[in-house]
Protein backbone atom coordinates (compact mmCIF):
# COMPACT_ATOMS: atom_id res chain seq x y z
CA UNK A 1 0.00 0.00 0.00
CA UNK A 2 0.98 3.58 -0.47
CA UNK A 3 1.31 5.99 2.40
CA UNK A 4 -1.53 8.42 2.76
CA UNK A 5 -1.29 11.20 0.16
CA UNK A 6 1.47 9.53 -1.86
CA UNK A 7 0.73 8.72 -5.46
CA UNK A 8 2.13 5.79 -7.42
CA UNK A 9 4.55 6.73 -10.19
CA UNK A 10 2.83 7.02 -13.54
CA UNK A 11 4.59 6.91 -16.89
CA UNK A 12 3.01 8.47 -20.00
CA UNK A 13 3.00 6.95 -23.48
CA UNK A 14 6.38 8.46 -24.40
CA UNK A 15 8.14 7.47 -21.19
CA UNK A 16 7.75 10.65 -19.14
CA UNK A 17 7.05 10.57 -15.41
CA UNK A 18 3.67 12.29 -14.89
CA UNK A 19 3.65 12.17 -11.09
CA UNK A 20 5.49 15.45 -10.51
CA UNK A 21 3.81 18.26 -8.58
CA UNK A 22 3.80 20.80 -11.41
CA UNK A 23 1.75 19.02 -14.02
CA UNK A 24 0.62 21.05 -17.03
CA UNK A 25 -2.56 20.10 -18.88
CA UNK A 26 -2.55 20.14 -22.65
CA UNK A 27 -5.41 20.87 -25.00
CA UNK A 28 -5.11 17.57 -26.83
CA UNK A 29 -7.15 15.17 -24.74
CA UNK A 30 -6.09 16.91 -21.51
CA UNK A 31 -3.25 14.43 -20.99
CA UNK A 32 -0.97 15.42 -18.13
CA UNK A 33 2.50 16.56 -19.14
CA UNK A 34 5.72 16.03 -17.23
CA UNK A 35 7.27 19.29 -18.37
CA UNK A 36 10.74 18.60 -17.03
CA UNK A 37 10.83 15.23 -18.81
CA UNK A 38 9.32 16.67 -21.99
CA UNK A 39 11.81 19.53 -21.97
CA UNK A 40 14.71 17.14 -21.50
CA UNK A 41 13.58 15.15 -24.53
CA UNK A 42 12.87 18.32 -26.56
CA UNK A 43 16.30 19.74 -25.71
CA UNK A 44 17.76 16.50 -27.07
CA UNK A 45 15.91 17.09 -30.37
CA UNK A 46 12.61 15.22 -29.83
CA UNK A 47 10.06 17.07 -31.97
CA UNK A 48 7.07 15.27 -30.43
CA UNK A 49 8.07 16.38 -26.94
CA UNK A 50 8.56 19.92 -28.24
CA UNK A 51 5.07 19.76 -29.75
CA UNK A 52 3.64 18.80 -26.37
CA UNK A 53 5.35 21.82 -24.83
CA UNK A 54 3.86 23.99 -27.59
CA UNK A 55 0.41 22.58 -26.83
CA UNK A 56 0.90 23.26 -23.14
CA UNK A 57 2.16 26.85 -23.38
CA UNK A 58 1.11 28.36 -26.70
CA UNK A 59 -2.13 29.78 -25.31
CA UNK A 60 -0.41 31.66 -22.48
CA UNK A 61 2.35 32.95 -24.76
CA UNK A 62 -0.19 34.05 -27.38
CA UNK A 63 -2.32 35.94 -24.82
CA UNK A 64 0.81 37.65 -23.46
CA UNK A 65 1.88 38.64 -26.99
CA UNK A 66 -1.62 39.89 -27.79
CA UNK A 67 -1.62 42.11 -24.71
CA UNK A 68 1.72 43.56 -25.76
CA UNK A 69 1.07 44.01 -29.49
CA UNK A 70 -2.66 44.71 -29.52
CA UNK A 71 -2.98 42.90 -32.84
CA UNK A 72 -3.87 39.25 -33.45
CA UNK A 73 -1.59 38.91 -36.46
CA UNK A 74 1.41 40.44 -34.70
CA UNK A 75 0.69 38.26 -31.65
CA UNK A 76 0.73 35.16 -33.87
CA UNK A 77 4.06 36.27 -35.33
CA UNK A 78 5.50 36.78 -31.83
CA UNK A 79 4.19 33.36 -30.72
CA UNK A 80 5.79 31.63 -33.70
CA UNK A 81 9.08 33.49 -33.25
CA UNK A 82 9.20 32.71 -29.51
CA UNK A 83 8.81 28.96 -30.10
CA UNK A 84 11.26 29.10 -32.99
CA UNK A 85 13.81 30.71 -30.66
CA UNK A 86 13.03 28.09 -28.00
CA UNK A 87 13.80 25.33 -30.50
CA UNK A 88 16.81 27.08 -31.98
CA UNK A 89 18.36 27.90 -28.59
CA UNK A 90 17.18 24.77 -26.77
CA UNK A 91 20.72 23.94 -25.56
CA UNK A 92 21.01 27.36 -23.83
CA UNK A 93 17.48 27.91 -22.45
CA UNK A 94 17.29 28.58 -18.74
CA UNK A 95 14.48 26.53 -17.16
CA UNK A 96 12.81 28.13 -14.11
CA UNK A 97 11.15 25.85 -11.54
CA UNK A 98 11.05 23.03 -14.09
CA UNK A 99 9.22 25.07 -16.72
CA UNK A 100 10.19 26.82 -19.95
CA UNK A 101 7.13 29.10 -19.70
CA UNK A 102 8.98 31.96 -17.95
CA UNK A 103 11.67 31.89 -20.65
CA UNK A 104 8.98 31.90 -23.35
CA UNK A 105 7.13 34.85 -21.78
CA UNK A 106 10.29 36.95 -21.47
CA UNK A 107 11.30 36.06 -25.03
CA UNK A 108 7.82 36.91 -26.35
CA UNK A 109 7.99 40.25 -24.53
CA UNK A 110 11.34 41.06 -26.10
CA UNK A 111 10.12 40.01 -29.54
CA UNK A 112 7.01 42.17 -29.18
CA UNK A 113 9.16 45.17 -28.23
CA UNK A 114 11.47 44.55 -31.18
CA UNK A 115 8.49 44.17 -33.50
CA UNK A 116 7.03 47.46 -32.23
CA UNK A 117 10.37 49.23 -32.74
CA UNK A 118 10.68 47.82 -36.25
CA UNK A 119 7.15 48.90 -37.09
CA UNK A 120 7.83 52.44 -35.81
CA UNK A 121 11.06 52.63 -37.85
CA UNK A 122 9.20 51.40 -40.95
CA UNK A 123 6.42 53.97 -40.50
CA UNK A 124 8.97 56.77 -39.98
CA UNK A 125 10.81 55.68 -43.13
CA UNK A 126 7.58 55.75 -45.15
CA UNK A 127 6.72 59.19 -43.80
CA UNK A 128 10.17 60.53 -44.78
CA UNK A 129 9.85 58.92 -48.19
CA UNK A 130 6.47 60.58 -48.79
CA UNK A 131 7.85 63.97 -47.71
CA UNK A 132 10.80 63.55 -50.08
CA UNK A 133 8.47 62.69 -52.96
CA UNK A 134 6.49 65.85 -52.27
CA UNK A 135 9.68 67.94 -52.34
CA UNK A 136 10.84 66.93 -55.82
CA UNK A 137 12.16 69.90 -57.74
CA UNK A 138 10.28 70.26 -61.06
CA UNK A 139 13.47 71.57 -62.70
CA UNK A 140 15.21 68.27 -61.86
CA UNK A 141 12.36 66.31 -63.44
CA UNK A 142 12.58 68.40 -66.63
CA UNK A 143 16.35 67.97 -66.75
CA UNK A 144 15.93 64.21 -66.53
CA UNK A 145 13.31 64.26 -69.27
CA UNK A 146 15.64 66.21 -71.59
CA UNK A 147 18.74 64.18 -70.76
CA UNK A 148 20.46 62.29 -73.53
CA UNK A 149 20.04 58.75 -72.28
CA UNK A 150 21.92 57.07 -75.13
CA UNK A 151 18.66 55.59 -76.40
CA UNK A 152 18.00 54.58 -80.00
CA UNK A 153 16.56 57.77 -81.63
CA UNK A 154 13.73 55.85 -83.33
CA UNK A 155 12.74 54.31 -79.98
CA UNK A 156 12.89 57.69 -78.26
CA UNK A 157 10.69 59.24 -81.00
CA UNK A 158 8.17 56.41 -80.58
CA UNK A 159 8.11 56.87 -76.78
CA UNK A 160 7.48 60.62 -77.14
CA UNK A 161 4.40 59.93 -79.31
CA UNK A 162 2.80 57.89 -76.52
CA UNK A 163 0.14 59.53 -74.40
CA UNK A 164 1.27 60.58 -70.93
CA UNK A 165 -1.96 59.28 -69.34
C-alpha atoms as a PDB file:
ATOM      1  CA  UNK A   1       0.000   0.000   0.000  1.00  0.00           C
ATOM      2  CA  UNK A   2       0.985   3.584  -0.466  1.00  0.00           C
ATOM      3  CA  UNK A   3       1.307   5.986   2.400  1.00  0.00           C
ATOM      4  CA  UNK A   4      -1.529   8.419   2.761  1.00  0.00           C
ATOM      5  CA  UNK A   5      -1.287  11.198   0.155  1.00  0.00           C
ATOM      6  CA  UNK A   6       1.474   9.534  -1.856  1.00  0.00           C
ATOM      7  CA  UNK A   7       0.726   8.719  -5.460  1.00  0.00           C
ATOM      8  CA  UNK A   8       2.128   5.790  -7.416  1.00  0.00           C
ATOM      9  CA  UNK A   9       4.546   6.726 -10.193  1.00  0.00           C
ATOM     10  CA  UNK A  10       2.828   7.025 -13.545  1.00  0.00           C
ATOM     11  CA  UNK A  11       4.586   6.909 -16.892  1.00  0.00           C
ATOM     12  CA  UNK A  12       3.006   8.475 -19.997  1.00  0.00           C
ATOM     13  CA  UNK A  13       2.995   6.949 -23.478  1.00  0.00           C
ATOM     14  CA  UNK A  14       6.383   8.457 -24.396  1.00  0.00           C
ATOM     15  CA  UNK A  15       8.138   7.471 -21.194  1.00  0.00           C
ATOM     16  CA  UNK A  16       7.750  10.648 -19.136  1.00  0.00           C
ATOM     17  CA  UNK A  17       7.049  10.573 -15.414  1.00  0.00           C
ATOM     18  CA  UNK A  18       3.672  12.286 -14.892  1.00  0.00           C
ATOM     19  CA  UNK A  19       3.655  12.165 -11.088  1.00  0.00           C
ATOM     20  CA  UNK A  20       5.487  15.453 -10.510  1.00  0.00           C
ATOM     21  CA  UNK A  21       3.815  18.264  -8.580  1.00  0.00           C
ATOM     22  CA  UNK A  22       3.804  20.797 -11.415  1.00  0.00           C
ATOM     23  CA  UNK A  23       1.749  19.018 -14.024  1.00  0.00           C
ATOM     24  CA  UNK A  24       0.622  21.047 -17.032  1.00  0.00           C
ATOM     25  CA  UNK A  25      -2.556  20.100 -18.876  1.00  0.00           C
ATOM     26  CA  UNK A  26      -2.545  20.145 -22.654  1.00  0.00           C
ATOM     27  CA  UNK A  27      -5.409  20.873 -25.000  1.00  0.00           C
ATOM     28  CA  UNK A  28      -5.107  17.569 -26.833  1.00  0.00           C
ATOM     29  CA  UNK A  29      -7.152  15.172 -24.740  1.00  0.00           C
ATOM     30  CA  UNK A  30      -6.091  16.910 -21.510  1.00  0.00           C
ATOM     31  CA  UNK A  31      -3.248  14.434 -20.989  1.00  0.00           C
ATOM     32  CA  UNK A  32      -0.973  15.415 -18.128  1.00  0.00           C
ATOM     33  CA  UNK A  33       2.499  16.561 -19.141  1.00  0.00           C
ATOM     34  CA  UNK A  34       5.718  16.029 -17.228  1.00  0.00           C
ATOM     35  CA  UNK A  35       7.268  19.288 -18.367  1.00  0.00           C
ATOM     36  CA  UNK A  36      10.739  18.602 -17.026  1.00  0.00           C
ATOM     37  CA  UNK A  37      10.834  15.231 -18.808  1.00  0.00           C
ATOM     38  CA  UNK A  38       9.319  16.665 -21.992  1.00  0.00           C
ATOM     39  CA  UNK A  39      11.809  19.526 -21.973  1.00  0.00           C
ATOM     40  CA  UNK A  40      14.709  17.139 -21.500  1.00  0.00           C
ATOM     41  CA  UNK A  41      13.582  15.147 -24.532  1.00  0.00           C
ATOM     42  CA  UNK A  42      12.872  18.321 -26.561  1.00  0.00           C
ATOM     43  CA  UNK A  43      16.295  19.735 -25.713  1.00  0.00           C
ATOM     44  CA  UNK A  44      17.762  16.502 -27.069  1.00  0.00           C
ATOM     45  CA  UNK A  45      15.914  17.093 -30.369  1.00  0.00           C
ATOM     46  CA  UNK A  46      12.614  15.216 -29.835  1.00  0.00           C
ATOM     47  CA  UNK A  47      10.065  17.067 -31.971  1.00  0.00           C
ATOM     48  CA  UNK A  48       7.073  15.274 -30.430  1.00  0.00           C
ATOM     49  CA  UNK A  49       8.074  16.379 -26.935  1.00  0.00           C
ATOM     50  CA  UNK A  50       8.556  19.918 -28.240  1.00  0.00           C
ATOM     51  CA  UNK A  51       5.069  19.760 -29.752  1.00  0.00           C
ATOM     52  CA  UNK A  52       3.642  18.803 -26.365  1.00  0.00           C
ATOM     53  CA  UNK A  53       5.347  21.824 -24.835  1.00  0.00           C
ATOM     54  CA  UNK A  54       3.863  23.990 -27.587  1.00  0.00           C
ATOM     55  CA  UNK A  55       0.407  22.577 -26.832  1.00  0.00           C
ATOM     56  CA  UNK A  56       0.902  23.261 -23.137  1.00  0.00           C
ATOM     57  CA  UNK A  57       2.165  26.846 -23.382  1.00  0.00           C
ATOM     58  CA  UNK A  58       1.111  28.363 -26.703  1.00  0.00           C
ATOM     59  CA  UNK A  59      -2.132  29.785 -25.307  1.00  0.00           C
ATOM     60  CA  UNK A  60      -0.409  31.657 -22.483  1.00  0.00           C
ATOM     61  CA  UNK A  61       2.347  32.946 -24.759  1.00  0.00           C
ATOM     62  CA  UNK A  62      -0.194  34.050 -27.380  1.00  0.00           C
ATOM     63  CA  UNK A  63      -2.318  35.938 -24.816  1.00  0.00           C
ATOM     64  CA  UNK A  64       0.808  37.651 -23.465  1.00  0.00           C
ATOM     65  CA  UNK A  65       1.881  38.642 -26.993  1.00  0.00           C
ATOM     66  CA  UNK A  66      -1.619  39.892 -27.795  1.00  0.00           C
ATOM     67  CA  UNK A  67      -1.621  42.111 -24.706  1.00  0.00           C
ATOM     68  CA  UNK A  68       1.723  43.562 -25.763  1.00  0.00           C
ATOM     69  CA  UNK A  69       1.067  44.014 -29.488  1.00  0.00           C
ATOM     70  CA  UNK A  70      -2.656  44.712 -29.517  1.00  0.00           C
ATOM     71  CA  UNK A  71      -2.982  42.903 -32.840  1.00  0.00           C
ATOM     72  CA  UNK A  72      -3.871  39.250 -33.445  1.00  0.00           C
ATOM     73  CA  UNK A  73      -1.586  38.907 -36.464  1.00  0.00           C
ATOM     74  CA  UNK A  74       1.405  40.443 -34.701  1.00  0.00           C
ATOM     75  CA  UNK A  75       0.692  38.263 -31.649  1.00  0.00           C
ATOM     76  CA  UNK A  76       0.731  35.160 -33.869  1.00  0.00           C
ATOM     77  CA  UNK A  77       4.065  36.268 -35.327  1.00  0.00           C
ATOM     78  CA  UNK A  78       5.497  36.779 -31.830  1.00  0.00           C
ATOM     79  CA  UNK A  79       4.194  33.362 -30.720  1.00  0.00           C
ATOM     80  CA  UNK A  80       5.792  31.631 -33.699  1.00  0.00           C
ATOM     81  CA  UNK A  81       9.083  33.490 -33.248  1.00  0.00           C
ATOM     82  CA  UNK A  82       9.195  32.706 -29.510  1.00  0.00           C
ATOM     83  CA  UNK A  83       8.813  28.964 -30.098  1.00  0.00           C
ATOM     84  CA  UNK A  84      11.260  29.097 -32.995  1.00  0.00           C
ATOM     85  CA  UNK A  85      13.805  30.706 -30.655  1.00  0.00           C
ATOM     86  CA  UNK A  86      13.033  28.089 -27.997  1.00  0.00           C
ATOM     87  CA  UNK A  87      13.797  25.333 -30.501  1.00  0.00           C
ATOM     88  CA  UNK A  88      16.814  27.083 -31.980  1.00  0.00           C
ATOM     89  CA  UNK A  89      18.363  27.903 -28.593  1.00  0.00           C
ATOM     90  CA  UNK A  90      17.180  24.772 -26.772  1.00  0.00           C
ATOM     91  CA  UNK A  91      20.717  23.942 -25.557  1.00  0.00           C
ATOM     92  CA  UNK A  92      21.011  27.362 -23.827  1.00  0.00           C
ATOM     93  CA  UNK A  93      17.480  27.909 -22.450  1.00  0.00           C
ATOM     94  CA  UNK A  94      17.287  28.575 -18.735  1.00  0.00           C
ATOM     95  CA  UNK A  95      14.481  26.532 -17.157  1.00  0.00           C
ATOM     96  CA  UNK A  96      12.809  28.131 -14.114  1.00  0.00           C
ATOM     97  CA  UNK A  97      11.147  25.850 -11.543  1.00  0.00           C
ATOM     98  CA  UNK A  98      11.051  23.026 -14.085  1.00  0.00           C
ATOM     99  CA  UNK A  99       9.219  25.067 -16.721  1.00  0.00           C
ATOM    100  CA  UNK A 100      10.186  26.818 -19.948  1.00  0.00           C
ATOM    101  CA  UNK A 101       7.132  29.098 -19.705  1.00  0.00           C
ATOM    102  CA  UNK A 102       8.981  31.963 -17.949  1.00  0.00           C
ATOM    103  CA  UNK A 103      11.667  31.891 -20.654  1.00  0.00           C
ATOM    104  CA  UNK A 104       8.978  31.903 -23.351  1.00  0.00           C
ATOM    105  CA  UNK A 105       7.125  34.846 -21.780  1.00  0.00           C
ATOM    106  CA  UNK A 106      10.288  36.951 -21.467  1.00  0.00           C
ATOM    107  CA  UNK A 107      11.298  36.064 -25.026  1.00  0.00           C
ATOM    108  CA  UNK A 108       7.817  36.907 -26.346  1.00  0.00           C
ATOM    109  CA  UNK A 109       7.993  40.248 -24.527  1.00  0.00           C
ATOM    110  CA  UNK A 110      11.340  41.062 -26.095  1.00  0.00           C
ATOM    111  CA  UNK A 111      10.123  40.012 -29.542  1.00  0.00           C
ATOM    112  CA  UNK A 112       7.008  42.174 -29.184  1.00  0.00           C
ATOM    113  CA  UNK A 113       9.158  45.170 -28.226  1.00  0.00           C
ATOM    114  CA  UNK A 114      11.468  44.546 -31.179  1.00  0.00           C
ATOM    115  CA  UNK A 115       8.487  44.174 -33.497  1.00  0.00           C
ATOM    116  CA  UNK A 116       7.032  47.460 -32.234  1.00  0.00           C
ATOM    117  CA  UNK A 117      10.371  49.227 -32.742  1.00  0.00           C
ATOM    118  CA  UNK A 118      10.684  47.822 -36.246  1.00  0.00           C
ATOM    119  CA  UNK A 119       7.150  48.902 -37.089  1.00  0.00           C
ATOM    120  CA  UNK A 120       7.826  52.440 -35.807  1.00  0.00           C
ATOM    121  CA  UNK A 121      11.059  52.632 -37.850  1.00  0.00           C
ATOM    122  CA  UNK A 122       9.204  51.402 -40.948  1.00  0.00           C
ATOM    123  CA  UNK A 123       6.421  53.974 -40.501  1.00  0.00           C
ATOM    124  CA  UNK A 124       8.970  56.765 -39.977  1.00  0.00           C
ATOM    125  CA  UNK A 125      10.809  55.684 -43.129  1.00  0.00           C
ATOM    126  CA  UNK A 126       7.580  55.748 -45.150  1.00  0.00           C
ATOM    127  CA  UNK A 127       6.716  59.191 -43.800  1.00  0.00           C
ATOM    128  CA  UNK A 128      10.171  60.528 -44.777  1.00  0.00           C
ATOM    129  CA  UNK A 129       9.849  58.917 -48.193  1.00  0.00           C
ATOM    130  CA  UNK A 130       6.475  60.579 -48.790  1.00  0.00           C
ATOM    131  CA  UNK A 131       7.850  63.972 -47.712  1.00  0.00           C
ATOM    132  CA  UNK A 132      10.801  63.549 -50.079  1.00  0.00           C
ATOM    133  CA  UNK A 133       8.470  62.688 -52.959  1.00  0.00           C
ATOM    134  CA  UNK A 134       6.491  65.855 -52.271  1.00  0.00           C
ATOM    135  CA  UNK A 135       9.681  67.944 -52.342  1.00  0.00           C
ATOM    136  CA  UNK A 136      10.842  66.928 -55.818  1.00  0.00           C
ATOM    137  CA  UNK A 137      12.164  69.904 -57.745  1.00  0.00           C
ATOM    138  CA  UNK A 138      10.281  70.257 -61.057  1.00  0.00           C
ATOM    139  CA  UNK A 139      13.469  71.566 -62.695  1.00  0.00           C
ATOM    140  CA  UNK A 140      15.205  68.272 -61.864  1.00  0.00           C
ATOM    141  CA  UNK A 141      12.359  66.310 -63.440  1.00  0.00           C
ATOM    142  CA  UNK A 142      12.578  68.401 -66.628  1.00  0.00           C
ATOM    143  CA  UNK A 143      16.349  67.973 -66.747  1.00  0.00           C
ATOM    144  CA  UNK A 144      15.932  64.212 -66.531  1.00  0.00           C
ATOM    145  CA  UNK A 145      13.311  64.257 -69.273  1.00  0.00           C
ATOM    146  CA  UNK A 146      15.643  66.215 -71.591  1.00  0.00           C
ATOM    147  CA  UNK A 147      18.743  64.176 -70.758  1.00  0.00           C
ATOM    148  CA  UNK A 148      20.462  62.293 -73.535  1.00  0.00           C
ATOM    149  CA  UNK A 149      20.043  58.747 -72.277  1.00  0.00           C
ATOM    150  CA  UNK A 150      21.922  57.072 -75.134  1.00  0.00           C
ATOM    151  CA  UNK A 151      18.663  55.594 -76.399  1.00  0.00           C
ATOM    152  CA  UNK A 152      17.995  54.582 -79.997  1.00  0.00           C
ATOM    153  CA  UNK A 153      16.563  57.768 -81.633  1.00  0.00           C
ATOM    154  CA  UNK A 154      13.734  55.845 -83.333  1.00  0.00           C
ATOM    155  CA  UNK A 155      12.735  54.310 -79.984  1.00  0.00           C
ATOM    156  CA  UNK A 156      12.891  57.693 -78.263  1.00  0.00           C
ATOM    157  CA  UNK A 157      10.688  59.241 -81.001  1.00  0.00           C
ATOM    158  CA  UNK A 158       8.170  56.411 -80.583  1.00  0.00           C
ATOM    159  CA  UNK A 159       8.113  56.868 -76.776  1.00  0.00           C
ATOM    160  CA  UNK A 160       7.477  60.615 -77.142  1.00  0.00           C
ATOM    161  CA  UNK A 161       4.404  59.932 -79.314  1.00  0.00           C
ATOM    162  CA  UNK A 162       2.805  57.889 -76.523  1.00  0.00           C
ATOM    163  CA  UNK A 163       0.140  59.528 -74.405  1.00  0.00           C
ATOM    164  CA  UNK A 164       1.269  60.581 -70.933  1.00  0.00           C
ATOM    165  CA  UNK A 165      -1.956  59.278 -69.340  1.00  0.00           C
END
